[in-house]
Amino acid sequence: MSESTTNSTGDAAPVSSEPRPHRGRGLPMGLVAAVLAVVLGVVGLVVGARDSAGRNAAGTAAPSPTPAPPVNGTTVGNLTVYDAYIRQPASPDIAAAYLTVRNEGDTADRLSSAYCGAAGTTSVHADSAAMQPGDSARSTPLRVPAGATVSLTPARGHIMLDKLTGTLAAGDTVSLLLRFDKAGQVLLDVPVISITAPAPGGATS
């Protein structure tokens, strides 16, 4: 059923009884702008993080850290002495000590001499191949260049312990004093290992 109203001409105009759709209140423009800004900000952070990760992955690799001294190493000045050992001697009178020295400084150094209370004579022989009969008491210093690592091994040299004061057996520990020209003195506790035991650091004997 329709109602009628009178328009400006006096004619009756029908008034629809159909319900009119209700239009809700719109969101304030300020709120919409704020939400949009937050969303864009989050997207920007994610993209920025990805870009940064990509640059780090593609950029120049960071310099490698300075290697840490060996667990069994002893440091004096810029030198680290490690992998020291004495092979159980076959003779009761003489033994040989072996070791490795790493120089992390920019100046060369030299192992000039050594002392051991378990021996009557202690001498450094940096070049076993150059030794002649009767040279057991003549010391040949071990040069340690800057930034280099050098070793005394059965094939390359040793520290000779001559006229031992007692028998050295596997499991014993011998105190060995080393004297370097620049770094100074350092005292090592050197283990005596059996004839069949593997040498520290992978030495061949």
N, C-alpha and C. Protein backbone atom coordinates (compact mmCIF):
# COMPACT_ATOMS: atom_id res chain seq x y z
N MET A 1 0.83 -1.18 0.00
CA MET A 1 0.00 0.00 0.00
C MET A 1 0.87 1.23 0.00
N SER A 2 0.48 2.25 -0.87
CA SER A 2 1.31 3.44 -1.01
C SER A 2 0.63 4.63 -0.43
N GLU A 3 1.44 5.51 0.14
CA GLU A 3 0.95 6.77 0.63
C GLU A 3 1.22 7.80 -0.43
N SER A 4 0.53 8.92 -0.36
CA SER A 4 0.75 9.97 -1.35
C SER A 4 1.00 11.28 -0.67
N THR A 5 1.76 12.12 -1.34
CA THR A 5 2.02 13.47 -0.85
C THR A 5 1.75 14.42 -1.97
N THR A 6 1.61 15.62 -1.68
CA THR A 6 1.32 16.64 -2.67
C THR A 6 2.58 17.34 -3.07
N ASN A 7 2.86 17.36 -4.43
CA ASN A 7 4.05 18.04 -4.89
C ASN A 7 3.75 19.48 -5.17
N SER A 8 4.69 20.18 -5.74
CA SER A 8 4.54 21.61 -5.95
C SER A 8 3.45 21.93 -6.94
N THR A 9 3.01 20.99 -7.78
CA THR A 9 1.95 21.24 -8.77
C THR A 9 0.59 20.88 -8.25
N GLY A 10 0.57 20.35 -7.07
CA GLY A 10 -0.70 19.98 -6.47
C GLY A 10 -1.09 18.57 -6.73
N ASP A 11 -0.32 17.90 -7.59
CA ASP A 11 -0.64 16.48 -7.85
C ASP A 11 -0.10 15.62 -6.73
N ALA A 12 -0.75 14.57 -6.51
CA ALA A 12 -0.31 13.64 -5.47
C ALA A 12 0.80 12.77 -6.03
N ALA A 13 1.89 12.70 -5.35
CA ALA A 13 3.01 11.86 -5.78
C ALA A 13 3.08 10.63 -4.90
N PRO A 14 3.21 9.50 -5.50
CA PRO A 14 3.24 8.29 -4.67
C PRO A 14 4.54 8.24 -3.85
N VAL A 15 4.41 7.78 -2.67
CA VAL A 15 5.56 7.60 -1.77
C VAL A 15 5.75 6.12 -1.57
N SER A 16 6.90 5.63 -1.97
CA SER A 16 7.15 4.18 -1.89
C SER A 16 7.27 3.75 -0.46
N SER A 17 6.65 2.63 -0.21
CA SER A 17 6.75 2.05 1.13
C SER A 17 7.93 1.09 1.25
N GLU A 18 8.70 0.94 0.10
CA GLU A 18 9.87 0.05 0.12
C GLU A 18 10.91 0.61 1.09
N PRO A 19 11.50 -0.25 1.91
CA PRO A 19 12.52 0.26 2.86
C PRO A 19 13.76 0.72 2.12
N ARG A 20 14.33 1.83 2.50
CA ARG A 20 15.53 2.37 1.88
C ARG A 20 16.76 1.74 2.52
N PRO A 21 17.74 1.41 1.67
CA PRO A 21 18.96 0.81 2.25
C PRO A 21 19.65 1.79 3.18
N HIS A 22 20.19 1.22 4.29
CA HIS A 22 20.87 2.05 5.29
C HIS A 22 22.36 2.12 4.97
N ARG A 23 22.88 3.29 4.84
CA ARG A 23 24.30 3.48 4.51
C ARG A 23 25.05 3.77 5.81
N GLY A 24 26.03 2.86 6.10
CA GLY A 24 26.80 3.02 7.33
C GLY A 24 27.72 4.23 7.27
N ARG A 25 28.26 4.57 8.43
CA ARG A 25 29.17 5.71 8.50
C ARG A 25 30.54 5.32 7.92
N GLY A 26 31.11 6.14 7.10
CA GLY A 26 32.43 5.87 6.51
C GLY A 26 33.55 6.04 7.52
N LEU A 27 34.70 5.32 7.29
CA LEU A 27 35.86 5.46 8.17
C LEU A 27 36.49 6.82 7.99
N PRO A 28 36.94 7.42 9.05
CA PRO A 28 37.61 8.72 8.93
C PRO A 28 38.85 8.59 8.07
N MET A 29 39.05 9.59 7.23
CA MET A 29 40.20 9.56 6.33
C MET A 29 41.53 9.50 7.10
N GLY A 30 41.58 10.12 8.26
CA GLY A 30 42.81 10.11 9.05
C GLY A 30 43.17 8.71 9.50
N LEU A 31 42.15 7.93 9.89
CA LEU A 31 42.41 6.56 10.34
C LEU A 31 42.90 5.69 9.19
N VAL A 32 42.30 5.85 8.02
CA VAL A 32 42.73 5.09 6.84
C VAL A 32 44.18 5.41 6.51
N ALA A 33 44.54 6.66 6.55
CA ALA A 33 45.91 7.06 6.24
C ALA A 33 46.89 6.48 7.23
N ALA A 34 46.50 6.44 8.52
CA ALA A 34 47.39 5.90 9.54
C ALA A 34 47.63 4.42 9.35
N VAL A 35 46.56 3.65 9.06
CA VAL A 35 46.69 2.21 8.84
C VAL A 35 47.57 1.94 7.62
N LEU A 36 47.36 2.71 6.56
CA LEU A 36 48.15 2.53 5.35
C LEU A 36 49.62 2.81 5.62
N ALA A 37 49.91 3.82 6.41
CA ALA A 37 51.29 4.16 6.72
C ALA A 37 51.97 3.04 7.49
N VAL A 38 51.24 2.41 8.44
CA VAL A 38 51.81 1.30 9.22
C VAL A 38 52.14 0.13 8.32
N VAL A 39 51.18 -0.22 7.41
CA VAL A 39 51.39 -1.34 6.51
C VAL A 39 52.60 -1.10 5.62
N LEU A 40 52.68 0.09 5.05
CA LEU A 40 53.81 0.41 4.19
C LEU A 40 55.13 0.38 4.96
N GLY A 41 55.08 0.81 6.21
CA GLY A 41 56.29 0.81 7.03
C GLY A 41 56.80 -0.60 7.28
N VAL A 42 55.90 -1.54 7.59
CA VAL A 42 56.28 -2.93 7.83
C VAL A 42 56.88 -3.54 6.57
N VAL A 43 56.23 -3.29 5.43
CA VAL A 43 56.75 -3.80 4.16
C VAL A 43 58.15 -3.25 3.89
N GLY A 44 58.33 -1.98 4.18
CA GLY A 44 59.64 -1.37 3.97
C GLY A 44 60.72 -2.00 4.83
N LEU A 45 60.36 -2.33 6.10
CA LEU A 45 61.33 -2.97 6.97
C LEU A 45 61.73 -4.34 6.46
N VAL A 46 60.75 -5.12 5.99
CA VAL A 46 61.05 -6.46 5.48
C VAL A 46 61.93 -6.38 4.25
N VAL A 47 61.58 -5.50 3.32
CA VAL A 47 62.38 -5.35 2.11
C VAL A 47 63.79 -4.87 2.44
N GLY A 48 63.88 -3.93 3.38
CA GLY A 48 65.20 -3.41 3.77
C GLY A 48 66.07 -4.50 4.38
N ALA A 49 65.46 -5.37 5.22
CA ALA A 49 66.22 -6.45 5.83
C ALA A 49 66.72 -7.41 4.77
N ARG A 50 65.86 -7.70 3.78
CA ARG A 50 66.29 -8.60 2.70
C ARG A 50 67.43 -7.99 1.90
N ASP A 51 67.32 -6.71 1.59
CA ASP A 51 68.38 -6.04 0.84
C ASP A 51 69.70 -6.06 1.60
N SER A 52 69.60 -5.81 2.93
CA SER A 52 70.81 -5.79 3.74
C SER A 52 71.46 -7.16 3.76
N ALA A 53 70.63 -8.22 3.90
CA ALA A 53 71.18 -9.58 3.91
C ALA A 53 71.83 -9.89 2.58
N GLY A 54 71.20 -9.44 1.50
CA GLY A 54 71.77 -9.68 0.18
C GLY A 54 73.10 -8.99 0.00
N ARG A 55 73.18 -7.74 0.48
CA ARG A 55 74.45 -7.02 0.37
C ARG A 55 75.54 -7.70 1.18
N ASN A 56 75.19 -8.19 2.39
CA ASN A 56 76.19 -8.85 3.22
C ASN A 56 76.67 -10.14 2.57
N ALA A 57 75.73 -10.85 1.91
CA ALA A 57 76.12 -12.11 1.28
C ALA A 57 76.98 -11.87 0.06
N ALA A 58 76.65 -10.77 -0.70
CA ALA A 58 77.37 -10.51 -1.94
C ALA A 58 78.59 -9.63 -1.74
N GLY A 59 78.69 -9.00 -0.58
CA GLY A 59 79.79 -8.07 -0.35
C GLY A 59 81.09 -8.79 -0.08
N THR A 60 82.11 -8.01 0.22
CA THR A 60 83.43 -8.57 0.50
C THR A 60 83.39 -9.36 1.80
N ALA A 61 83.96 -10.54 1.80
CA ALA A 61 83.97 -11.38 2.99
C ALA A 61 84.77 -10.71 4.08
N ALA A 62 84.28 -10.89 5.32
CA ALA A 62 84.99 -10.31 6.46
C ALA A 62 86.34 -10.99 6.61
N PRO A 63 87.36 -10.27 7.05
CA PRO A 63 88.68 -10.89 7.22
C PRO A 63 88.63 -12.01 8.24
N SER A 64 89.39 -13.06 7.99
CA SER A 64 89.41 -14.19 8.90
C SER A 64 90.04 -13.78 10.22
N PRO A 65 89.46 -14.25 11.33
CA PRO A 65 90.05 -13.89 12.62
C PRO A 65 91.42 -14.51 12.78
N THR A 66 92.22 -13.89 13.61
CA THR A 66 93.55 -14.44 13.88
C THR A 66 93.42 -15.79 14.55
N PRO A 67 94.07 -16.81 14.04
CA PRO A 67 93.92 -18.14 14.64
C PRO A 67 94.37 -18.15 16.08
N ALA A 68 93.63 -18.87 16.87
CA ALA A 68 93.95 -18.95 18.28
C ALA A 68 95.15 -19.85 18.49
N PRO A 69 95.94 -19.59 19.55
CA PRO A 69 97.08 -20.45 19.83
C PRO A 69 96.63 -21.88 20.08
N PRO A 70 97.45 -22.87 19.76
CA PRO A 70 97.09 -24.26 20.03
C PRO A 70 96.81 -24.48 21.51
N VAL A 71 95.97 -25.47 21.78
CA VAL A 71 95.58 -25.73 23.16
C VAL A 71 96.80 -26.03 24.03
N ASN A 72 97.78 -26.76 23.50
CA ASN A 72 98.96 -27.13 24.28
C ASN A 72 100.12 -26.19 24.04
N GLY A 73 99.84 -24.98 23.53
CA GLY A 73 100.90 -24.03 23.23
C GLY A 73 101.28 -23.16 24.41
N THR A 74 102.52 -22.68 24.38
CA THR A 74 103.02 -21.74 25.38
C THR A 74 103.52 -20.51 24.64
N THR A 75 103.03 -19.32 25.06
CA THR A 75 103.34 -18.08 24.35
C THR A 75 104.39 -17.27 25.09
N VAL A 76 105.33 -16.73 24.32
CA VAL A 76 106.32 -15.79 24.85
C VAL A 76 106.52 -14.72 23.79
N GLY A 77 106.22 -13.46 24.13
CA GLY A 77 106.29 -12.40 23.14
C GLY A 77 105.35 -12.69 21.98
N ASN A 78 105.86 -12.61 20.76
CA ASN A 78 105.06 -12.90 19.58
C ASN A 78 105.15 -14.37 19.15
N LEU A 79 105.81 -15.18 19.96
CA LEU A 79 106.03 -16.58 19.61
C LEU A 79 105.10 -17.50 20.39
N THR A 80 104.68 -18.57 19.74
CA THR A 80 103.94 -19.64 20.41
C THR A 80 104.67 -20.94 20.14
N VAL A 81 105.04 -21.63 21.21
CA VAL A 81 105.74 -22.92 21.10
C VAL A 81 104.74 -24.02 21.44
N TYR A 82 104.65 -25.01 20.56
CA TYR A 82 103.66 -26.07 20.80
C TYR A 82 104.13 -27.40 20.20
N ASP A 83 103.35 -28.44 20.48
CA ASP A 83 103.65 -29.80 20.00
C ASP A 83 105.04 -30.26 20.40
N ALA A 84 105.48 -29.89 21.59
CA ALA A 84 106.79 -30.33 22.07
C ALA A 84 106.68 -31.74 22.64
N TYR A 85 107.69 -32.54 22.38
CA TYR A 85 107.71 -33.90 22.94
C TYR A 85 109.13 -34.45 22.88
N ILE A 86 109.35 -35.50 23.67
CA ILE A 86 110.61 -36.26 23.66
C ILE A 86 110.24 -37.71 23.42
N ARG A 87 110.83 -38.32 22.41
CA ARG A 87 110.61 -39.74 22.18
C ARG A 87 111.41 -40.53 23.20
N GLN A 88 110.78 -41.54 23.81
CA GLN A 88 111.50 -42.37 24.78
C GLN A 88 112.81 -42.86 24.16
N PRO A 89 113.94 -42.50 24.76
CA PRO A 89 115.23 -42.82 24.12
C PRO A 89 115.58 -44.29 24.19
N ALA A 90 116.25 -44.73 23.15
CA ALA A 90 116.75 -46.11 23.14
C ALA A 90 118.01 -46.23 23.99
N SER A 91 118.72 -45.10 24.11
CA SER A 91 119.95 -45.08 24.90
C SER A 91 119.67 -44.42 26.24
N PRO A 92 120.27 -44.87 27.31
CA PRO A 92 120.05 -44.23 28.62
C PRO A 92 120.81 -42.92 28.77
N ASP A 93 121.64 -42.57 27.81
CA ASP A 93 122.50 -41.40 27.95
C ASP A 93 122.06 -40.19 27.13
N ILE A 94 121.26 -40.40 26.10
CA ILE A 94 120.95 -39.30 25.20
C ILE A 94 119.50 -39.36 24.74
N ALA A 95 118.89 -38.17 24.56
CA ALA A 95 117.51 -38.07 24.08
C ALA A 95 117.39 -36.84 23.21
N ALA A 96 116.28 -36.72 22.50
CA ALA A 96 116.06 -35.57 21.61
C ALA A 96 114.66 -35.02 21.83
N ALA A 97 114.56 -33.71 21.86
CA ALA A 97 113.27 -33.04 22.00
C ALA A 97 112.90 -32.38 20.67
N TYR A 98 111.61 -32.39 20.36
CA TYR A 98 111.10 -31.80 19.11
C TYR A 98 109.97 -30.84 19.45
N LEU A 99 109.77 -29.84 18.60
CA LEU A 99 108.75 -28.84 18.87
C LEU A 99 108.47 -28.01 17.62
N THR A 100 107.45 -27.16 17.71
CA THR A 100 107.08 -26.24 16.64
C THR A 100 106.97 -24.84 17.22
N VAL A 101 107.42 -23.84 16.46
CA VAL A 101 107.36 -22.44 16.89
C VAL A 101 106.64 -21.63 15.82
N ARG A 102 105.66 -20.85 16.25
CA ARG A 102 104.94 -19.95 15.34
C ARG A 102 105.24 -18.51 15.73
N ASN A 103 105.64 -17.70 14.74
CA ASN A 103 105.97 -16.29 14.96
C ASN A 103 104.86 -15.43 14.37
N GLU A 104 104.07 -14.78 15.21
CA GLU A 104 102.98 -13.93 14.76
C GLU A 104 103.38 -12.47 14.70
N GLY A 105 104.64 -12.18 14.93
CA GLY A 105 105.13 -10.81 14.87
C GLY A 105 105.65 -10.44 13.49
N ASP A 106 106.10 -9.20 13.36
CA ASP A 106 106.66 -8.73 12.09
C ASP A 106 108.18 -8.65 12.13
N THR A 107 108.77 -9.29 13.13
CA THR A 107 110.23 -9.32 13.27
C THR A 107 110.70 -10.75 13.45
N ALA A 108 111.74 -11.12 12.75
CA ALA A 108 112.29 -12.48 12.88
C ALA A 108 112.91 -12.68 14.25
N ASP A 109 112.93 -13.92 14.69
CA ASP A 109 113.53 -14.25 15.98
C ASP A 109 114.38 -15.52 15.79
N ARG A 110 114.99 -15.97 16.87
CA ARG A 110 115.87 -17.12 16.77
C ARG A 110 115.93 -17.85 18.09
N LEU A 111 115.76 -19.17 18.04
CA LEU A 111 115.98 -20.01 19.21
C LEU A 111 117.48 -20.29 19.29
N SER A 112 118.13 -19.60 20.20
CA SER A 112 119.60 -19.65 20.23
C SER A 112 120.14 -20.75 21.13
N SER A 113 119.42 -21.08 22.21
CA SER A 113 119.94 -22.10 23.11
C SER A 113 118.81 -22.68 23.96
N ALA A 114 119.13 -23.73 24.68
CA ALA A 114 118.15 -24.39 25.55
C ALA A 114 118.87 -24.96 26.76
N TYR A 115 118.10 -25.22 27.82
CA TYR A 115 118.67 -25.81 29.03
C TYR A 115 117.68 -26.82 29.60
N CYS A 116 118.20 -27.95 30.04
CA CYS A 116 117.38 -28.98 30.66
C CYS A 116 118.13 -29.55 31.86
N GLY A 117 117.49 -29.56 33.00
CA GLY A 117 118.13 -30.07 34.21
C GLY A 117 118.31 -31.58 34.20
N ALA A 118 117.61 -32.26 33.28
CA ALA A 118 117.72 -33.72 33.22
C ALA A 118 118.90 -34.17 32.37
N ALA A 119 119.64 -33.21 31.83
CA ALA A 119 120.77 -33.55 30.96
C ALA A 119 122.01 -32.76 31.35
N GLY A 120 123.16 -33.34 31.13
CA GLY A 120 124.40 -32.63 31.41
C GLY A 120 124.66 -31.54 30.38
N THR A 121 124.24 -31.77 29.14
CA THR A 121 124.43 -30.82 28.06
C THR A 121 123.15 -30.74 27.24
N THR A 122 122.72 -29.51 26.92
CA THR A 122 121.53 -29.31 26.09
C THR A 122 121.93 -28.39 24.95
N SER A 123 121.64 -28.79 23.72
CA SER A 123 122.04 -27.99 22.57
C SER A 123 120.98 -28.05 21.48
N VAL A 124 120.86 -26.93 20.75
CA VAL A 124 119.90 -26.81 19.67
C VAL A 124 120.58 -27.18 18.35
N HIS A 125 119.97 -28.06 17.59
CA HIS A 125 120.51 -28.45 16.28
C HIS A 125 119.39 -28.25 15.26
N ALA A 126 119.42 -27.11 14.60
CA ALA A 126 118.33 -26.76 13.68
C ALA A 126 118.43 -27.50 12.36
N ASP A 127 119.58 -28.07 12.05
CA ASP A 127 119.75 -28.77 10.77
C ASP A 127 120.50 -30.08 11.02
N SER A 128 119.71 -31.15 11.16
CA SER A 128 120.34 -32.45 11.43
C SER A 128 121.22 -32.91 10.28
N ALA A 129 120.84 -32.55 9.05
CA ALA A 129 121.59 -33.02 7.88
C ALA A 129 123.00 -32.45 7.86
N ALA A 130 123.17 -31.27 8.49
CA ALA A 130 124.49 -30.63 8.45
C ALA A 130 125.41 -31.08 9.58
N MET A 131 124.87 -31.92 10.49
CA MET A 131 125.70 -32.35 11.62
C MET A 131 126.76 -33.34 11.18
N GLN A 132 127.90 -33.19 11.78
CA GLN A 132 129.02 -34.09 11.53
C GLN A 132 129.35 -34.84 12.82
N PRO A 133 130.06 -35.95 12.73
CA PRO A 133 130.47 -36.66 13.95
C PRO A 133 131.21 -35.72 14.91
N GLY A 134 130.82 -35.76 16.15
CA GLY A 134 131.45 -34.89 17.14
C GLY A 134 130.77 -33.54 17.29
N ASP A 135 129.67 -33.31 16.54
CA ASP A 135 128.97 -32.02 16.61
C ASP A 135 127.87 -31.99 17.65
N SER A 136 127.77 -33.02 18.47
CA SER A 136 126.64 -33.09 19.39
C SER A 136 126.60 -31.92 20.37
N ALA A 137 127.75 -31.35 20.69
CA ALA A 137 127.78 -30.24 21.63
C ALA A 137 127.74 -28.88 20.94
N ARG A 138 127.81 -28.89 19.59
CA ARG A 138 127.82 -27.61 18.86
C ARG A 138 126.39 -27.20 18.51
N SER A 139 125.99 -26.06 18.98
CA SER A 139 124.61 -25.61 18.79
C SER A 139 124.47 -24.86 17.47
N THR A 140 123.36 -25.14 16.76
CA THR A 140 123.01 -24.39 15.55
C THR A 140 121.62 -23.82 15.76
N PRO A 141 121.50 -22.51 15.97
CA PRO A 141 120.22 -21.88 16.33
C PRO A 141 119.13 -22.13 15.28
N LEU A 142 117.90 -22.09 15.76
CA LEU A 142 116.73 -22.26 14.89
C LEU A 142 116.17 -20.88 14.56
N ARG A 143 116.19 -20.51 13.29
CA ARG A 143 115.65 -19.21 12.87
C ARG A 143 114.14 -19.30 12.71
N VAL A 144 113.46 -18.25 13.20
CA VAL A 144 112.00 -18.20 13.14
C VAL A 144 111.61 -16.91 12.41
N PRO A 145 111.42 -16.94 11.10
CA PRO A 145 111.09 -15.72 10.35
C PRO A 145 109.77 -15.12 10.81
N ALA A 146 109.61 -13.82 10.53
CA ALA A 146 108.36 -13.13 10.87
C ALA A 146 107.20 -13.76 10.12
N GLY A 147 106.11 -14.00 10.84
CA GLY A 147 104.91 -14.55 10.23
C GLY A 147 105.03 -15.99 9.78
N ALA A 148 106.03 -16.69 10.27
CA ALA A 148 106.27 -18.07 9.81
C ALA A 148 106.13 -19.06 10.96
N THR A 149 106.00 -20.33 10.57
CA THR A 149 105.98 -21.45 11.52
C THR A 149 107.08 -22.42 11.15
N VAL A 150 107.93 -22.75 12.10
CA VAL A 150 109.03 -23.68 11.85
C VAL A 150 108.98 -24.79 12.88
N SER A 151 109.55 -25.93 12.52
CA SER A 151 109.49 -27.10 13.40
C SER A 151 110.86 -27.77 13.50
N LEU A 152 111.11 -28.33 14.65
CA LEU A 152 112.21 -29.27 14.84
C LEU A 152 111.58 -30.65 14.82
N THR A 153 111.91 -31.44 13.81
CA THR A 153 111.38 -32.79 13.64
C THR A 153 112.55 -33.74 13.44
N PRO A 154 112.31 -35.04 13.54
CA PRO A 154 113.41 -35.99 13.34
C PRO A 154 114.15 -35.81 12.03
N ALA A 155 113.47 -35.30 11.01
CA ALA A 155 114.13 -35.12 9.72
C ALA A 155 114.76 -33.74 9.56
N ARG A 156 114.43 -32.81 10.45
CA ARG A 156 114.87 -31.42 10.25
C ARG A 156 115.70 -30.85 11.39
N GLY A 157 115.76 -31.50 12.49
CA GLY A 157 116.51 -30.96 13.61
C GLY A 157 115.91 -31.37 14.94
N HIS A 158 116.58 -30.99 16.02
CA HIS A 158 116.13 -31.41 17.35
C HIS A 158 116.86 -30.58 18.42
N ILE A 159 116.44 -30.75 19.64
CA ILE A 159 117.18 -30.24 20.80
C ILE A 159 117.76 -31.46 21.49
N MET A 160 119.05 -31.53 21.51
CA MET A 160 119.71 -32.72 22.04
C MET A 160 119.89 -32.62 23.55
N LEU A 161 119.52 -33.67 24.24
CA LEU A 161 119.73 -33.80 25.68
C LEU A 161 120.79 -34.88 25.87
N ASP A 162 121.98 -34.46 26.17
CA ASP A 162 123.11 -35.38 26.26
C ASP A 162 123.49 -35.59 27.72
N LYS A 163 124.03 -36.79 28.03
CA LYS A 163 124.45 -37.16 29.39
C LYS A 163 123.28 -37.03 30.37
N LEU A 164 122.23 -37.78 30.08
CA LEU A 164 121.03 -37.74 30.91
C LEU A 164 121.36 -38.11 32.36
N THR A 165 120.70 -37.44 33.28
CA THR A 165 120.93 -37.70 34.70
C THR A 165 120.11 -38.87 35.23
N GLY A 166 119.18 -39.35 34.41
CA GLY A 166 118.34 -40.48 34.81
C GLY A 166 117.65 -41.06 33.59
N THR A 167 117.02 -42.20 33.77
CA THR A 167 116.33 -42.86 32.67
C THR A 167 115.01 -42.16 32.39
N LEU A 168 114.73 -41.87 31.11
CA LEU A 168 113.47 -41.25 30.71
C LEU A 168 112.53 -42.34 30.19
N ALA A 169 111.34 -42.39 30.77
CA ALA A 169 110.35 -43.39 30.38
C ALA A 169 109.08 -42.70 29.91
N ALA A 170 108.30 -43.40 29.10
CA ALA A 170 107.03 -42.85 28.61
C ALA A 170 106.14 -42.47 29.79
N GLY A 171 105.55 -41.28 29.70
CA GLY A 171 104.72 -40.78 30.79
C GLY A 171 105.43 -39.76 31.66
N ASP A 172 106.77 -39.70 31.57
CA ASP A 172 107.53 -38.71 32.32
C ASP A 172 107.34 -37.32 31.70
N THR A 173 107.64 -36.30 32.47
CA THR A 173 107.62 -34.92 31.98
C THR A 173 108.96 -34.27 32.29
N VAL A 174 109.51 -33.61 31.29
CA VAL A 174 110.83 -32.98 31.43
C VAL A 174 110.68 -31.46 31.26
N SER A 175 111.28 -30.70 32.16
CA SER A 175 111.27 -29.24 32.05
C SER A 175 112.38 -28.80 31.10
N LEU A 176 111.99 -27.98 30.11
CA LEU A 176 112.95 -27.52 29.10
C LEU A 176 112.86 -26.01 28.98
N LEU A 177 113.98 -25.34 29.20
CA LEU A 177 114.04 -23.88 29.11
C LEU A 177 114.59 -23.48 27.75
N LEU A 178 113.81 -22.67 27.01
CA LEU A 178 114.24 -22.19 25.70
C LEU A 178 114.60 -20.72 25.79
N ARG A 179 115.64 -20.32 25.05
CA ARG A 179 116.07 -18.93 25.04
C ARG A 179 116.00 -18.38 23.60
N PHE A 180 115.12 -17.40 23.39
CA PHE A 180 114.99 -16.73 22.10
C PHE A 180 115.68 -15.38 22.15
N ASP A 181 116.27 -14.96 21.06
CA ASP A 181 117.04 -13.72 21.04
C ASP A 181 116.18 -12.51 21.38
N LYS A 182 114.97 -12.44 20.86
CA LYS A 182 114.12 -11.26 21.07
C LYS A 182 112.98 -11.53 22.06
N ALA A 183 112.32 -12.66 21.94
CA ALA A 183 111.16 -12.94 22.80
C ALA A 183 111.55 -13.25 24.23
N GLY A 184 112.79 -13.73 24.42
CA GLY A 184 113.23 -14.04 25.77
C GLY A 184 113.12 -15.52 26.09
N GLN A 185 112.99 -15.84 27.36
CA GLN A 185 112.99 -17.23 27.82
C GLN A 185 111.57 -17.74 28.04
N VAL A 186 111.40 -19.03 27.82
CA VAL A 186 110.12 -19.67 28.11
C VAL A 186 110.40 -21.08 28.61
N LEU A 187 109.67 -21.49 29.63
CA LEU A 187 109.85 -22.81 30.24
C LEU A 187 108.72 -23.73 29.79
N LEU A 188 109.08 -24.89 29.27
CA LEU A 188 108.10 -25.86 28.80
C LEU A 188 108.13 -27.11 29.67
N ASP A 189 106.97 -27.73 29.82
CA ASP A 189 106.88 -29.06 30.41
C ASP A 189 106.68 -30.03 29.24
N VAL A 190 107.70 -30.77 28.91
CA VAL A 190 107.70 -31.60 27.71
C VAL A 190 107.41 -33.05 28.08
N PRO A 191 106.39 -33.65 27.48
CA PRO A 191 106.08 -35.05 27.78
C PRO A 191 107.02 -36.01 27.07
N VAL A 192 107.31 -37.12 27.72
CA VAL A 192 108.07 -38.21 27.09
C VAL A 192 107.04 -39.22 26.59
N ILE A 193 107.09 -39.54 25.29
CA ILE A 193 106.12 -40.47 24.72
C ILE A 193 106.83 -41.77 24.34
N SER A 194 106.06 -42.83 24.25
CA SER A 194 106.64 -44.13 23.96
C SER A 194 107.13 -44.21 22.51
N ILE A 195 107.86 -45.24 22.24
CA ILE A 195 108.43 -45.41 20.90
C ILE A 195 107.35 -45.57 19.84
N THR A 196 106.22 -46.17 20.22
CA THR A 196 105.16 -46.46 19.26
C THR A 196 104.04 -45.41 19.26
N ALA A 197 104.09 -44.47 20.17
CA ALA A 197 103.00 -43.48 20.26
C ALA A 197 103.09 -42.47 19.11
N PRO A 198 101.93 -42.02 18.60
CA PRO A 198 101.96 -40.99 17.55
C PRO A 198 102.50 -39.68 18.09
N ALA A 199 103.28 -39.00 17.30
CA ALA A 199 103.88 -37.73 17.73
C ALA A 199 102.85 -36.62 17.63
N PRO A 200 102.87 -35.64 18.53
CA PRO A 200 101.97 -34.49 18.45
C PRO A 200 102.16 -33.74 17.14
N GLY A 201 101.09 -33.26 16.57
CA GLY A 201 101.18 -32.46 15.35
C GLY A 201 101.42 -33.26 14.09
N GLY A 202 101.42 -34.60 14.19
CA GLY A 202 101.58 -35.41 13.00
C GLY A 202 103.02 -35.59 12.54
N ALA A 203 103.98 -35.34 13.41
CA ALA A 203 105.38 -35.58 13.03
C ALA A 203 105.57 -37.06 12.68
N THR A 204 106.54 -37.34 11.85
CA THR A 204 106.69 -38.70 11.34
C THR A 204 107.42 -39.63 12.30
N SER A 205 107.99 -39.10 13.39
CA SER A 205 108.70 -39.97 14.31
C SER A 205 108.67 -39.40 15.71
